[in-house]
Amino acid sequence: MTNKPYSKKELAQKIKNQKNFILIQAIMVILMIILAVLTTLEKGISFLTFLPLFFIPMLFVMFFELKKLKKQISEKHE
């Protein structure tokens, strides 16, 4: 399978989708952090305390992927 380059329109759509995914992921992580704090205060340390730590790296990966897509579209502009 060959790796064909994306057109500007496809890159723009991928950037738009990636921004939406990052927003949704960020909201989920914030809610998990709030839930973790409340659960820790009420019941002590549990699995929910550390659950956000597993999702934060995914948020960073998505953010760096967005930066890479933006770089690709700026290179196509030149």
C-alpha atoms as a PDB file:
ATOM      1  CA  MET A   1       0.000   0.000   0.000  1.00  0.00           C
ATOM      2  CA  THR A   2       1.488   3.338  -1.034  1.00  0.00           C
ATOM      3  CA  ASN A   3       1.455   6.395   1.145  1.00  0.00           C
ATOM      4  CA  LYS A   4       0.005   9.110  -1.104  1.00  0.00           C
ATOM      5  CA  PRO A   5       0.270  12.741  -0.005  1.00  0.00           C
ATOM      6  CA  TYR A   6      -2.904  14.502   1.049  1.00  0.00           C
ATOM      7  CA  SER A   7      -4.342  17.441  -0.865  1.00  0.00           C
ATOM      8  CA  LYS A   8      -4.787  20.828   0.818  1.00  0.00           C
ATOM      9  CA  LYS A   9      -8.516  20.194   1.158  1.00  0.00           C
ATOM     10  CA  GLU A  10      -7.931  16.798   2.780  1.00  0.00           C
ATOM     11  CA  LEU A  11      -5.352  18.286   5.151  1.00  0.00           C
ATOM     12  CA  ALA A  12      -7.741  21.090   6.115  1.00  0.00           C
ATOM     13  CA  GLN A  13     -10.448  18.523   6.881  1.00  0.00           C
ATOM     14  CA  LYS A  14      -8.014  16.402   8.915  1.00  0.00           C
ATOM     15  CA  ILE A  15      -6.971  19.505  10.898  1.00  0.00           C
ATOM     16  CA  LYS A  16     -10.607  20.371  11.596  1.00  0.00           C
ATOM     17  CA  ASN A  17     -11.321  16.811  12.766  1.00  0.00           C
ATOM     18  CA  GLN A  18      -8.173  16.719  14.884  1.00  0.00           C
ATOM     19  CA  LYS A  19      -9.137  19.986  16.622  1.00  0.00           C
ATOM     20  CA  ASN A  20     -12.560  18.555  17.437  1.00  0.00           C
ATOM     21  CA  PHE A  21     -11.017  15.342  18.779  1.00  0.00           C
ATOM     22  CA  ILE A  22      -8.566  17.315  20.924  1.00  0.00           C
ATOM     23  CA  LEU A  23     -11.395  19.410  22.363  1.00  0.00           C
ATOM     24  CA  ILE A  24     -13.452  16.329  23.211  1.00  0.00           C
ATOM     25  CA  GLN A  25     -10.421  14.563  24.702  1.00  0.00           C
ATOM     26  CA  ALA A  26      -9.508  17.638  26.786  1.00  0.00           C
ATOM     27  CA  ILE A  27     -13.042  17.890  28.176  1.00  0.00           C
ATOM     28  CA  MET A  28     -12.972  14.185  29.050  1.00  0.00           C
ATOM     29  CA  VAL A  29      -9.616  14.527  30.817  1.00  0.00           C
ATOM     30  CA  ILE A  30     -10.834  17.554  32.803  1.00  0.00           C
ATOM     31  CA  LEU A  31     -13.962  15.659  33.863  1.00  0.00           C
ATOM     32  CA  MET A  32     -11.844  12.645  34.837  1.00  0.00           C
ATOM     33  CA  ILE A  33      -9.551  14.866  36.912  1.00  0.00           C
ATOM     34  CA  ILE A  34     -12.543  16.377  38.715  1.00  0.00           C
ATOM     35  CA  LEU A  35     -13.993  12.907  39.309  1.00  0.00           C
ATOM     36  CA  ALA A  36     -10.614  11.631  40.518  1.00  0.00           C
ATOM     37  CA  VAL A  37     -10.242  14.474  43.014  1.00  0.00           C
ATOM     38  CA  LEU A  38     -13.773  14.037  44.354  1.00  0.00           C
ATOM     39  CA  THR A  39     -13.418  10.257  44.599  1.00  0.00           C
ATOM     40  CA  THR A  40     -10.035  10.563  46.303  1.00  0.00           C
ATOM     41  CA  LEU A  41     -11.414  13.002  48.862  1.00  0.00           C
ATOM     42  CA  GLU A  42     -14.417  10.778  49.564  1.00  0.00           C
ATOM     43  CA  LYS A  43     -12.984   7.246  49.423  1.00  0.00           C
ATOM     44  CA  GLY A  44      -9.215   7.655  49.366  1.00  0.00           C
ATOM     45  CA  ILE A  45      -6.783   6.629  46.657  1.00  0.00           C
ATOM     46  CA  SER A  46      -8.197   4.219  44.085  1.00  0.00           C
ATOM     47  CA  PHE A  47      -7.900   3.380  40.398  1.00  0.00           C
ATOM     48  CA  LEU A  48      -9.973   6.476  39.530  1.00  0.00           C
ATOM     49  CA  THR A  49      -7.276   8.623  41.122  1.00  0.00           C
ATOM     50  CA  PHE A  50      -4.798   7.597  38.435  1.00  0.00           C
ATOM     51  CA  LEU A  51      -7.169   7.182  35.474  1.00  0.00           C
ATOM     52  CA  PRO A  52      -6.521  10.682  34.021  1.00  0.00           C
ATOM     53  CA  LEU A  53      -2.795   9.915  33.933  1.00  0.00           C
ATOM     54  CA  PHE A  54      -3.432   7.270  31.272  1.00  0.00           C
ATOM     55  CA  PHE A  55      -5.339   9.668  29.015  1.00  0.00           C
ATOM     56  CA  ILE A  56      -3.145  12.775  29.271  1.00  0.00           C
ATOM     57  CA  PRO A  57      -0.373  11.294  27.059  1.00  0.00           C
ATOM     58  CA  MET A  58      -2.955  10.553  24.361  1.00  0.00           C
ATOM     59  CA  LEU A  59      -3.972  14.213  24.465  1.00  0.00           C
ATOM     60  CA  PHE A  60      -0.348  15.258  23.911  1.00  0.00           C
ATOM     61  CA  VAL A  61       0.016  12.823  21.006  1.00  0.00           C
ATOM     62  CA  MET A  62      -3.105  14.260  19.382  1.00  0.00           C
ATOM     63  CA  PHE A  63      -1.781  17.800  19.901  1.00  0.00           C
ATOM     64  CA  PHE A  64       1.588  16.992  18.309  1.00  0.00           C
ATOM     65  CA  GLU A  65      -0.196  15.296  15.406  1.00  0.00           C
ATOM     66  CA  LEU A  66      -2.181  18.521  14.888  1.00  0.00           C
ATOM     67  CA  LYS A  67       1.054  20.528  14.823  1.00  0.00           C
ATOM     68  CA  LYS A  68       2.470  18.116  12.249  1.00  0.00           C
ATOM     69  CA  LEU A  69      -0.626  18.497  10.057  1.00  0.00           C
ATOM     70  CA  LYS A  70      -0.428  22.288  10.291  1.00  0.00           C
ATOM     71  CA  LYS A  71       3.224  22.124   9.276  1.00  0.00           C
ATOM     72  CA  GLN A  72       2.322  19.981   6.256  1.00  0.00           C
ATOM     73  CA  ILE A  73      -0.354  22.413   5.106  1.00  0.00           C
ATOM     74  CA  SER A  74       2.013  25.376   5.527  1.00  0.00           C
ATOM     75  CA  GLU A  75       4.610  23.549   3.415  1.00  0.00           C
ATOM     76  CA  LYS A  76       2.002  23.032   0.704  1.00  0.00           C
ATOM     77  CA  HIS A  77       1.253  26.775   0.724  1.00  0.00           C
ATOM     78  CA  GLU A  78       4.818  27.592  -0.215  1.00  0.00           C
END
